[in-house]
Amino acid sequence: MTDGRGTTSFTYDHNNRLVGCTDPDGVYTADGFSIEYDYDIAGNRTQVE
């Protein structure tokens, strides 16, 4: 995704589930925190870190 600040990249696992994102400055999120998603065996999102 691209906006006035640049390009945000999203990372997906082999099941096309979102597992992370990187903002235009090359860090995870605009606040500099890492966002990672965990899923259970059924594919339900179980945790956001």
Protein backbone atom coordinates (compact mmCIF):
# COMPACT_ATOMS: atom_id res chain seq x y z
CA MET A 1 0.00 0.00 0.00
CA THR A 2 1.34 3.45 -0.88
CA ASP A 3 0.31 6.79 0.58
CA GLY A 4 1.93 10.22 0.95
CA ARG A 5 4.52 8.83 3.39
CA GLY A 6 5.62 5.95 1.14
CA THR A 7 5.00 2.23 0.87
CA THR A 8 3.77 -0.03 3.66
CA SER A 9 4.65 -3.71 3.17
CA PHE A 10 2.60 -6.59 4.53
CA THR A 11 3.96 -10.08 5.24
CA TYR A 12 1.84 -13.22 4.86
CA ASP A 13 2.42 -16.87 5.75
CA HIS A 14 2.01 -19.84 3.39
CA ASN A 15 -1.76 -19.83 4.09
CA ASN A 16 -2.06 -16.14 3.06
CA ARG A 17 -2.63 -15.01 6.65
CA LEU A 18 -1.24 -11.64 7.71
CA VAL A 19 1.75 -12.12 10.01
CA GLY A 20 3.32 -8.63 10.05
CA CYS A 21 3.73 -5.23 8.42
CA THR A 22 6.52 -2.71 7.83
CA ASP A 23 5.94 1.04 7.51
CA PRO A 24 7.69 3.39 5.00
CA ASP A 25 10.53 4.06 7.45
CA GLY A 26 11.42 0.37 7.51
CA VAL A 27 10.11 -0.31 11.00
CA TYR A 28 7.10 -2.26 12.15
CA THR A 29 4.22 0.23 12.53
CA ALA A 30 4.41 4.00 12.76
CA ASP A 31 5.10 3.79 16.50
CA GLY A 32 8.15 1.58 15.98
CA PHE A 33 6.54 -1.42 17.62
CA SER A 34 6.42 -4.89 16.13
CA ILE A 35 3.02 -6.25 15.18
CA GLU A 36 2.84 -9.99 14.70
CA TYR A 37 -0.20 -12.21 14.43
CA ASP A 38 -0.55 -15.81 15.63
CA TYR A 39 -3.18 -18.30 14.47
CA ASP A 40 -4.62 -21.54 15.80
CA ILE A 41 -4.82 -24.73 13.72
CA ALA A 42 -8.27 -23.71 12.44
CA GLY A 43 -6.87 -20.43 11.07
CA ASN A 44 -8.40 -18.16 13.71
CA ARG A 45 -6.27 -15.25 14.84
CA THR A 46 -5.39 -15.97 18.46
CA GLN A 47 -2.84 -13.33 19.35
CA VAL A 48 -1.61 -9.91 18.29
CA GLU A 49 1.80 -8.89 19.65
